[in-house]
Amino acid sequence: MAALLLVGGAAAADVPGLNAQALRELRQAGVDKYLGTSMPTRSEHGVWTKHAFNPRYVPDASYPARVRADGPVCIAGTPYSVFTREGDPKKLLIFLQGGGACWQGFYNCNVLGDAQAPPQQGPFPGVFDPTSPQNPFADYSVVYMPYCDGSTFGGDNDVNDPGFPFGPTRYHRGLRNVSAGMDVAMQMFPDAKQITVMGHSAGGVGAAAFAPFLARFAFGNNTKLTVYNDAGPIAVNLGTSPSAGGPDVPWLSVWARQNDWRFQKFYPQSCIDDGRCNAFGQQTGIISWRLENDSTIREGFYETDSDRTNRFFAQGDGTRMDPQAYRELILTEHGALNAAYPTRYKRFIVSGDDTHGAVQVTAETPNFPFPQPFSFYTQQANGTLLSYWATEFVRIGARQSQFGWKDIVEDYVPVPIP
């Protein structure tokens, strides 16, 4: 009888994956509502297969164009596609691409999915290189999801916006798009048993939010599931609220995101009730809730503490956050997760560096003026190579926690050009 009660409870440590109560809450919140609702058409794209979804335009007089898209689409209503590459059918990398964010009056996001199509032929950078012996994902099958919804793969709302420069309506279809991609993952690689959900930048936010839950719904609790967040901070300047003497511009950005994207409606009720999940708070709360309720998931977070790109988006007023303030923000939020779950949530924080992400080509910055296609293999923190850290992170069994997968945070070193 006690065992049965544990299975249904919120902390069934002897049951792999998400416990039954957590699954019920996620279903009640509608996290899985778009799974199984879209069917793509396939075509060749070099060594990849392209899976293109029908936008399903239908008449709707409430939209300025008099029609609305009723399927997975990019922010301007253009078609959405995902890409797959075959490898070991039991190993699967589900990758969510990055590309900024858009909300009312702030339009800094990738608009077209096809603009992020992977190169048809190699060589491929970083974690996509199938030839590198240092790449722990070299033999993995890959599902690659472009990012074009403007809402970090978490939105579920359409906004008629005459100020949006790419069309009269912003389609924040993040959850629908990532659900469509997860359907493709299950259709193409149903035998996957070792799965990494990885996201870069805005895709890192999506990988740290709802995508791991969708992977559990699609593949079940008996898969070995890891989450690799490449520079998706999940933490921002919350600003000054009206009740505290505001609002200031950063708080108005927080308000606009929750109003435009409506991601908060997918939060599980117990996470809302205990205050961790709050549209006006830090969104690391959903990670905490998942680690509490998924007994076997492991999650890793990579970041540079002066990340120039993230300091712009996290500040929320069109300027860049001070590097030391940004460091304090990410160390506070992600440090709390490591403190609560030290064997299952670990960081790789590089100092003296303002580049953005490392799993693919790293763009140039004033301090690093050339693109870096090999960052995944050359970046290190306190003498540990990132590729080695990642290898130990995804290693099967407990050996990873005893040898290479460590929580690494470098001492602060300022960048020359902040």
Protein backbone atom coordinates (compact mmCIF):
# COMPACT_ATOMS: atom_id res chain seq x y z
CA MET A 1 0.00 0.00 0.00
CA ALA A 2 2.84 2.40 0.84
CA ALA A 3 4.44 1.73 -2.55
CA LEU A 4 1.20 2.56 -4.32
CA LEU A 5 0.94 5.82 -2.43
CA LEU A 6 4.49 6.72 -3.41
CA VAL A 7 3.75 6.16 -7.08
CA GLY A 8 0.95 8.71 -6.99
CA GLY A 9 2.76 11.18 -4.77
CA ALA A 10 4.94 14.15 -5.54
CA ALA A 11 8.25 12.62 -4.55
CA ALA A 12 8.29 9.02 -5.76
CA ALA A 13 12.07 8.67 -5.79
CA ASP A 14 11.88 4.96 -6.59
CA VAL A 15 9.84 5.59 -9.74
CA PRO A 16 11.82 6.79 -12.81
CA GLY A 17 10.82 10.00 -14.54
CA LEU A 18 7.83 12.17 -13.74
CA ASN A 19 5.52 10.97 -11.00
CA ALA A 20 1.84 10.37 -11.71
CA GLN A 21 0.60 13.51 -9.96
CA ALA A 22 3.00 15.71 -11.92
CA LEU A 23 1.86 14.16 -15.19
CA ARG A 24 -1.76 14.83 -14.26
CA GLU A 25 -1.02 18.47 -13.44
CA LEU A 26 0.81 18.98 -16.74
CA ARG A 27 -2.09 17.47 -18.66
CA GLN A 28 -4.57 19.63 -16.76
CA ALA A 29 -2.50 22.69 -17.68
CA GLY A 30 -2.58 21.65 -21.34
CA VAL A 31 1.15 21.17 -21.86
CA ASP A 32 0.49 18.18 -24.13
CA LYS A 33 -2.53 19.69 -25.96
CA TYR A 34 -0.77 20.00 -29.34
CA LEU A 35 0.96 16.62 -29.40
CA GLY A 36 -0.37 14.49 -32.24
CA THR A 37 -2.23 17.35 -33.96
CA SER A 38 0.10 18.08 -36.91
CA MET A 39 1.31 15.89 -39.76
CA PRO A 40 4.22 17.14 -41.92
CA THR A 41 5.29 16.36 -45.46
CA ARG A 42 8.83 15.06 -45.99
CA SER A 43 11.50 16.06 -48.47
CA GLU A 44 15.26 15.64 -48.79
CA HIS A 45 17.59 18.36 -47.53
CA GLY A 46 21.06 17.00 -48.19
CA VAL A 47 21.93 14.58 -45.37
CA TRP A 48 18.82 15.76 -43.53
CA THR A 49 15.12 15.11 -43.95
CA LYS A 50 12.91 18.20 -43.93
CA HIS A 51 9.49 17.92 -42.27
CA ALA A 52 7.27 20.82 -43.39
CA PHE A 53 4.01 21.59 -41.59
CA ASN A 54 0.85 22.92 -43.18
CA PRO A 55 -0.02 26.35 -41.70
CA ARG A 56 -3.71 25.51 -42.27
CA TYR A 57 -4.97 29.00 -43.07
CA VAL A 58 -8.66 29.46 -42.26
CA PRO A 59 -10.99 32.46 -42.62
CA ASP A 60 -11.18 34.66 -39.51
CA ALA A 61 -12.58 38.18 -39.65
CA SER A 62 -10.96 39.10 -36.30
CA TYR A 63 -7.52 39.03 -37.93
CA PRO A 64 -6.42 42.00 -40.09
CA ALA A 65 -5.56 39.68 -42.99
CA ARG A 66 -9.05 38.12 -42.66
CA VAL A 67 -7.41 34.69 -42.28
CA ARG A 68 -5.43 33.06 -39.52
CA ALA A 69 -2.95 30.21 -39.46
CA ASP A 70 -4.33 27.23 -37.54
CA GLY A 71 -1.20 25.08 -37.41
CA PRO A 72 2.47 25.36 -36.52
CA VAL A 73 3.82 28.63 -37.99
CA CYS A 74 6.51 31.23 -37.55
CA ILE A 75 5.78 34.59 -35.95
CA ALA A 76 4.72 36.25 -39.23
CA GLY A 77 2.43 33.34 -40.16
CA THR A 78 4.88 31.69 -42.56
CA PRO A 79 5.35 27.90 -42.65
CA TYR A 80 7.35 26.03 -40.01
CA SER A 81 9.61 23.01 -40.60
CA VAL A 82 11.93 20.78 -38.58
CA PHE A 83 14.84 18.64 -39.76
CA THR A 84 16.07 15.16 -38.86
CA ARG A 85 19.34 13.32 -39.40
CA GLU A 86 19.65 9.60 -38.77
CA GLY A 87 22.23 8.14 -36.41
CA ASP A 88 22.01 5.55 -33.66
CA PRO A 89 18.24 4.98 -33.35
CA LYS A 90 18.54 4.54 -29.58
CA LYS A 91 20.32 7.86 -29.02
CA LEU A 92 18.57 11.12 -29.79
CA LEU A 93 19.56 14.78 -29.67
CA ILE A 94 16.53 17.10 -29.80
CA PHE A 95 17.89 20.56 -30.58
CA LEU A 96 15.99 23.85 -30.21
CA GLN A 97 17.66 26.72 -32.07
CA GLY A 98 17.89 30.27 -30.74
CA GLY A 99 17.18 33.67 -32.24
CA GLY A 100 16.11 36.44 -29.85
CA ALA A 101 12.61 37.36 -28.69
CA CYS A 102 9.73 39.62 -29.69
CA TRP A 103 7.05 41.36 -27.65
CA GLN A 104 5.04 44.57 -27.93
CA GLY A 105 7.36 47.32 -29.14
CA PHE A 106 10.42 45.06 -28.95
CA TYR A 107 11.12 43.19 -32.17
CA ASN A 108 14.43 41.38 -31.95
CA CYS A 109 13.72 37.81 -33.03
CA ASN A 110 14.29 35.54 -35.98
CA VAL A 111 11.20 35.62 -38.22
CA LEU A 112 11.65 32.90 -40.85
CA GLY A 113 12.18 29.23 -40.02
CA ASP A 114 13.86 28.52 -43.36
CA ALA A 115 16.52 31.12 -42.48
CA GLN A 116 17.76 28.63 -39.87
CA ALA A 117 17.75 25.49 -42.01
CA PRO A 118 20.88 23.43 -41.31
CA PRO A 119 23.55 23.19 -44.01
CA GLN A 120 22.71 20.37 -46.39
CA GLN A 121 26.21 18.89 -46.25
CA GLY A 122 29.07 18.99 -43.76
CA PRO A 123 31.33 19.93 -42.22
CA PHE A 124 29.03 20.58 -39.28
CA PRO A 125 30.08 22.61 -36.23
CA GLY A 126 30.04 21.72 -32.56
CA VAL A 127 27.59 19.09 -31.37
CA PHE A 128 26.43 18.43 -34.95
CA ASP A 129 29.81 17.08 -36.07
CA PRO A 130 29.39 13.31 -36.60
CA THR A 131 33.14 12.79 -37.14
CA SER A 132 34.73 14.24 -34.00
CA PRO A 133 35.88 11.70 -31.39
CA GLN A 134 35.49 14.46 -28.77
CA ASN A 135 31.79 14.92 -29.57
CA PRO A 136 29.58 12.87 -27.21
CA PHE A 137 26.68 13.38 -29.65
CA ALA A 138 28.58 12.26 -32.76
CA ASP A 139 26.57 9.06 -33.26
CA TYR A 140 23.21 10.47 -32.11
CA SER A 141 20.17 10.80 -34.30
CA VAL A 142 19.20 14.48 -34.45
CA VAL A 143 15.94 16.42 -34.50
CA TYR A 144 16.74 20.04 -35.31
CA MET A 145 14.04 22.64 -34.64
CA PRO A 146 14.49 26.14 -36.09
CA TYR A 147 13.24 28.98 -33.90
CA CYS A 148 10.88 31.56 -35.35
CA ASP A 149 7.98 32.02 -32.90
CA GLY A 150 9.51 34.91 -30.92
CA SER A 151 8.34 33.41 -27.62
CA THR A 152 11.20 31.03 -26.71
CA PHE A 153 9.20 27.91 -27.70
CA GLY A 154 6.69 28.59 -24.92
CA GLY A 155 4.09 30.97 -26.30
CA ASP A 156 0.51 30.19 -27.25
CA ASN A 157 -1.11 33.43 -28.34
CA ASP A 158 -1.71 35.54 -31.44
CA VAL A 159 -1.40 39.34 -31.22
CA ASN A 160 -2.75 41.72 -33.83
CA ASP A 161 0.00 44.34 -33.88
CA PRO A 162 0.13 47.17 -36.45
CA GLY A 163 3.62 48.05 -35.24
CA PHE A 164 5.12 44.64 -36.05
CA PRO A 165 7.28 45.19 -39.16
CA PHE A 166 6.75 41.73 -40.67
CA GLY A 167 2.98 41.43 -40.76
CA PRO A 168 -0.25 42.53 -39.07
CA THR A 169 -0.30 39.64 -36.59
CA ARG A 170 2.35 38.10 -34.36
CA TYR A 171 1.84 34.34 -34.08
CA HIS A 172 3.52 33.25 -30.85
CA ARG A 173 3.11 29.53 -31.54
CA GLY A 174 6.09 28.30 -29.55
CA LEU A 175 4.44 25.41 -27.73
CA ARG A 176 2.66 24.29 -30.87
CA ASN A 177 5.91 24.34 -32.89
CA VAL A 178 7.98 22.41 -30.36
CA SER A 179 5.13 19.92 -29.94
CA ALA A 180 5.08 19.38 -33.71
CA GLY A 181 8.82 18.80 -33.60
CA MET A 182 8.43 16.34 -30.73
CA ASP A 183 5.87 14.42 -32.80
CA VAL A 184 8.46 14.14 -35.57
CA ALA A 185 11.02 12.92 -33.04
CA MET A 186 8.70 10.14 -31.90
CA GLN A 187 7.70 9.18 -35.45
CA MET A 188 11.26 9.03 -36.75
CA PHE A 189 13.06 7.62 -33.70
CA PRO A 190 10.54 5.64 -31.65
CA ASP A 191 13.24 3.39 -30.16
CA ALA A 192 15.25 6.22 -28.58
CA LYS A 193 16.26 5.38 -25.01
CA GLN A 194 18.94 8.00 -24.36
CA ILE A 195 17.63 11.49 -25.11
CA THR A 196 19.16 14.93 -24.69
CA VAL A 197 16.90 17.94 -25.10
CA MET A 198 19.30 20.74 -25.97
CA GLY A 199 18.62 24.38 -26.71
CA HIS A 200 20.74 27.39 -27.60
CA SER A 201 19.87 30.89 -26.36
CA ALA A 202 16.10 31.31 -26.80
CA GLY A 203 16.04 27.60 -27.55
CA GLY A 204 17.83 27.07 -24.25
CA VAL A 205 14.93 28.81 -22.54
CA GLY A 206 12.54 26.46 -24.34
CA ALA A 207 14.67 23.44 -23.45
CA ALA A 208 14.60 24.47 -19.80
CA ALA A 209 10.84 25.14 -19.79
CA PHE A 210 8.27 22.84 -21.45
CA ALA A 211 10.25 20.74 -23.96
CA PRO A 212 11.45 18.15 -21.39
CA PHE A 213 7.84 17.55 -20.33
CA LEU A 214 6.90 16.96 -23.97
CA ALA A 215 9.77 14.48 -24.26
CA ARG A 216 8.39 12.58 -21.27
CA PHE A 217 4.91 12.53 -22.82
CA ALA A 218 6.30 11.32 -26.16
CA PHE A 219 8.93 8.81 -25.00
CA GLY A 220 7.88 7.87 -21.48
CA ASN A 221 9.61 7.68 -18.13
CA ASN A 222 11.98 4.82 -18.88
CA THR A 223 14.17 6.87 -21.22
CA LYS A 224 17.38 8.40 -19.89
CA LEU A 225 16.58 12.10 -20.26
CA THR A 226 19.04 14.97 -19.95
CA VAL A 227 18.55 18.69 -20.61
CA TYR A 228 21.44 20.79 -21.94
CA ASN A 229 20.81 24.52 -21.74
CA ASP A 230 23.33 26.43 -23.86
CA ALA A 231 23.12 30.09 -22.79
CA GLY A 232 19.39 30.31 -22.14
CA PRO A 233 19.49 32.24 -18.85
CA ILE A 234 15.82 31.87 -17.75
CA ALA A 235 16.50 34.89 -15.54
CA VAL A 236 15.99 38.59 -16.28
CA ASN A 237 15.82 42.01 -14.73
CA LEU A 238 12.33 41.98 -13.21
CA GLY A 239 12.26 45.75 -12.96
CA THR A 240 10.21 47.84 -10.55
CA SER A 241 6.54 46.98 -10.31
CA PRO A 242 3.77 49.60 -9.90
CA SER A 243 3.32 48.60 -6.27
CA ALA A 244 7.01 49.32 -5.60
CA GLY A 245 7.09 52.73 -7.24
CA GLY A 246 7.20 51.74 -10.90
CA PRO A 247 6.54 50.69 -13.49
CA ASP A 248 9.88 51.07 -15.18
CA VAL A 249 10.72 49.80 -18.68
CA PRO A 250 12.14 46.41 -17.56
CA TRP A 251 8.94 45.66 -15.61
CA LEU A 252 6.86 46.71 -18.63
CA SER A 253 8.88 44.20 -20.69
CA VAL A 254 8.08 41.47 -18.17
CA TRP A 255 4.41 42.46 -18.36
CA ALA A 256 4.44 42.49 -22.18
CA ARG A 257 6.02 39.05 -22.43
CA GLN A 258 3.48 37.39 -20.19
CA ASN A 259 0.64 39.27 -21.87
CA ASP A 260 1.76 38.50 -25.43
CA TRP A 261 3.08 34.96 -25.04
CA ARG A 262 0.70 33.55 -22.36
CA PHE A 263 3.25 30.89 -21.37
CA GLN A 264 2.09 30.99 -17.75
CA LYS A 265 -1.14 29.14 -18.51
CA PHE A 266 0.92 25.96 -18.92
CA TYR A 267 2.38 26.06 -15.43
CA PRO A 268 1.36 23.13 -13.21
CA GLN A 269 -0.98 24.18 -10.42
CA SER A 270 1.22 23.10 -7.53
CA CYS A 271 4.08 25.19 -8.91
CA ILE A 272 1.75 28.20 -9.03
CA ASP A 273 0.41 27.49 -5.56
CA ASP A 274 3.82 27.39 -3.91
CA GLY A 275 4.95 30.56 -5.69
CA ARG A 276 7.74 29.10 -7.79
CA CYS A 277 5.87 29.57 -11.07
CA ASN A 278 4.91 33.21 -11.46
CA ALA A 279 4.76 35.14 -14.74
CA PHE A 280 6.24 38.17 -12.96
CA GLY A 281 9.04 36.22 -11.23
CA GLN A 282 12.10 34.36 -12.41
CA GLN A 283 11.20 31.47 -14.68
CA THR A 284 13.74 29.14 -13.08
CA GLY A 285 10.84 28.01 -10.89
CA ILE A 286 9.64 25.54 -13.51
CA ILE A 287 13.09 23.89 -13.50
CA SER A 288 12.92 23.53 -9.72
CA TRP A 289 9.44 21.98 -9.97
CA ARG A 290 10.61 19.54 -12.66
CA LEU A 291 13.66 18.42 -10.67
CA GLU A 292 11.42 17.85 -7.66
CA ASN A 293 8.91 15.82 -9.62
CA ASP A 294 11.11 14.00 -12.16
CA SER A 295 13.35 11.70 -10.13
CA THR A 296 15.81 10.75 -12.88
CA ILE A 297 16.22 13.80 -15.11
CA ARG A 298 19.58 15.61 -15.13
CA GLU A 299 20.09 19.17 -16.35
CA GLY A 300 23.18 21.20 -17.23
CA PHE A 301 23.58 24.94 -17.81
CA TYR A 302 26.41 26.54 -19.83
CA GLU A 303 27.03 30.29 -19.81
CA THR A 304 29.68 32.99 -19.90
CA ASP A 305 29.15 35.45 -17.08
CA SER A 306 29.53 38.51 -19.35
CA ASP A 307 27.41 37.13 -22.22
CA ARG A 308 26.91 40.23 -24.37
CA THR A 309 23.77 38.95 -26.09
CA ASN A 310 22.00 37.84 -22.94
CA ARG A 311 22.86 41.03 -21.08
CA PHE A 312 20.87 42.89 -23.75
CA PHE A 313 17.79 40.66 -23.59
CA ALA A 314 17.87 40.24 -19.82
CA GLN A 315 18.04 43.96 -19.11
CA GLY A 316 14.70 44.60 -20.80
CA ASP A 317 15.05 48.30 -21.63
CA GLY A 318 17.20 48.34 -24.77
CA THR A 319 20.51 48.64 -22.90
CA ARG A 320 22.89 45.99 -21.64
CA MET A 321 23.01 44.80 -18.07
CA ASP A 322 26.24 45.43 -16.21
CA PRO A 323 28.45 42.30 -16.41
CA GLN A 324 28.77 41.90 -12.65
CA ALA A 325 25.02 42.34 -12.20
CA TYR A 326 24.40 39.68 -14.84
CA ARG A 327 26.85 37.32 -13.15
CA GLU A 328 25.12 37.81 -9.82
CA LEU A 329 21.74 37.13 -11.46
CA ILE A 330 22.70 33.82 -13.08
CA LEU A 331 24.73 32.63 -10.10
CA THR A 332 21.84 33.35 -7.76
CA GLU A 333 19.14 31.68 -9.85
CA HIS A 334 21.09 28.68 -11.14
CA GLY A 335 23.08 28.35 -7.95
CA ALA A 336 19.87 27.78 -6.03
CA LEU A 337 19.01 24.91 -8.38
CA ASN A 338 22.42 23.34 -7.89
CA ALA A 339 22.18 23.75 -4.12
CA ALA A 340 18.79 22.02 -4.04
CA TYR A 341 19.71 19.24 -6.53
CA PRO A 342 23.52 19.03 -6.48
CA THR A 343 23.77 15.67 -8.26
CA ARG A 344 21.25 16.45 -10.98
CA TYR A 345 21.70 20.16 -11.83
CA LYS A 346 25.16 21.50 -12.60
CA ARG A 347 26.67 24.58 -14.18
CA PHE A 348 29.60 25.37 -16.45
CA ILE A 349 30.18 29.12 -15.97
CA VAL A 350 33.07 30.77 -17.81
CA SER A 351 34.39 34.16 -16.73
CA GLY A 352 36.35 36.81 -18.64
CA ASP A 353 34.27 35.98 -21.72
CA ASP A 354 31.29 37.71 -23.34
CA THR A 355 30.51 35.22 -26.11
CA HIS A 356 27.08 33.64 -26.46
CA GLY A 357 26.76 29.86 -26.38
CA ALA A 358 29.22 27.18 -27.42
CA VAL A 359 27.44 24.18 -28.98
CA GLN A 360 27.58 25.53 -32.54
CA VAL A 361 29.40 28.44 -34.24
CA THR A 362 29.92 31.15 -31.61
CA ALA A 363 29.41 34.64 -33.03
CA GLU A 364 32.03 37.34 -32.67
CA THR A 365 31.96 40.04 -29.97
CA PRO A 366 34.11 43.16 -29.41
CA ASN A 367 36.33 41.07 -27.12
CA PHE A 368 36.41 38.04 -29.45
CA PRO A 369 36.27 39.58 -32.95
CA PHE A 370 36.07 36.37 -35.00
CA PRO A 371 33.42 33.61 -35.19
CA GLN A 372 34.47 30.51 -33.28
CA PRO A 373 33.30 27.25 -34.91
CA PHE A 374 35.13 25.01 -32.43
CA SER A 375 34.04 26.49 -29.08
CA PHE A 376 32.47 23.24 -27.98
CA TYR A 377 35.91 21.60 -28.16
CA THR A 378 38.13 24.49 -27.01
CA GLN A 379 36.09 26.27 -24.33
CA GLN A 380 37.13 25.43 -20.79
CA ALA A 381 36.45 26.44 -17.22
CA ASN A 382 38.94 25.88 -14.42
CA GLY A 383 40.90 23.58 -16.71
CA THR A 384 37.98 21.34 -17.73
CA LEU A 385 37.06 21.23 -21.41
CA LEU A 386 33.38 21.78 -22.15
CA SER A 387 33.25 18.74 -24.44
CA TYR A 388 34.59 16.55 -21.61
CA TRP A 389 32.05 18.01 -19.17
CA ALA A 390 29.27 17.29 -21.66
CA THR A 391 30.54 13.76 -22.25
CA GLU A 392 30.36 13.00 -18.55
CA PHE A 393 26.98 14.72 -18.30
CA VAL A 394 25.32 12.35 -20.77
CA ARG A 395 27.23 9.24 -19.71
CA ILE A 396 25.00 6.32 -18.71
CA GLY A 397 25.07 5.34 -15.05
CA ALA A 398 26.27 6.95 -11.86
CA ARG A 399 29.91 7.09 -12.97
CA GLN A 400 29.43 10.60 -14.39
CA SER A 401 28.84 12.15 -10.97
CA GLN A 402 32.01 10.62 -9.52
CA PHE A 403 34.44 11.61 -12.27
CA GLY A 404 33.80 14.35 -14.80
CA TRP A 405 30.40 15.97 -14.48
CA LYS A 406 31.10 18.68 -11.95
CA ASP A 407 29.52 21.99 -11.04
CA ILE A 408 32.08 24.50 -12.34
CA VAL A 409 31.95 28.27 -11.72
CA GLU A 410 35.04 30.33 -12.46
CA ASP A 411 36.06 33.25 -10.28
CA TYR A 412 35.07 36.59 -11.75
CA VAL A 413 37.34 38.12 -14.40
CA PRO A 414 36.10 41.31 -16.10
CA VAL A 415 36.03 41.51 -19.88
CA PRO A 416 38.11 44.34 -21.40
CA ILE A 417 35.15 45.84 -23.28
CA PRO A 418 32.00 45.50 -21.14
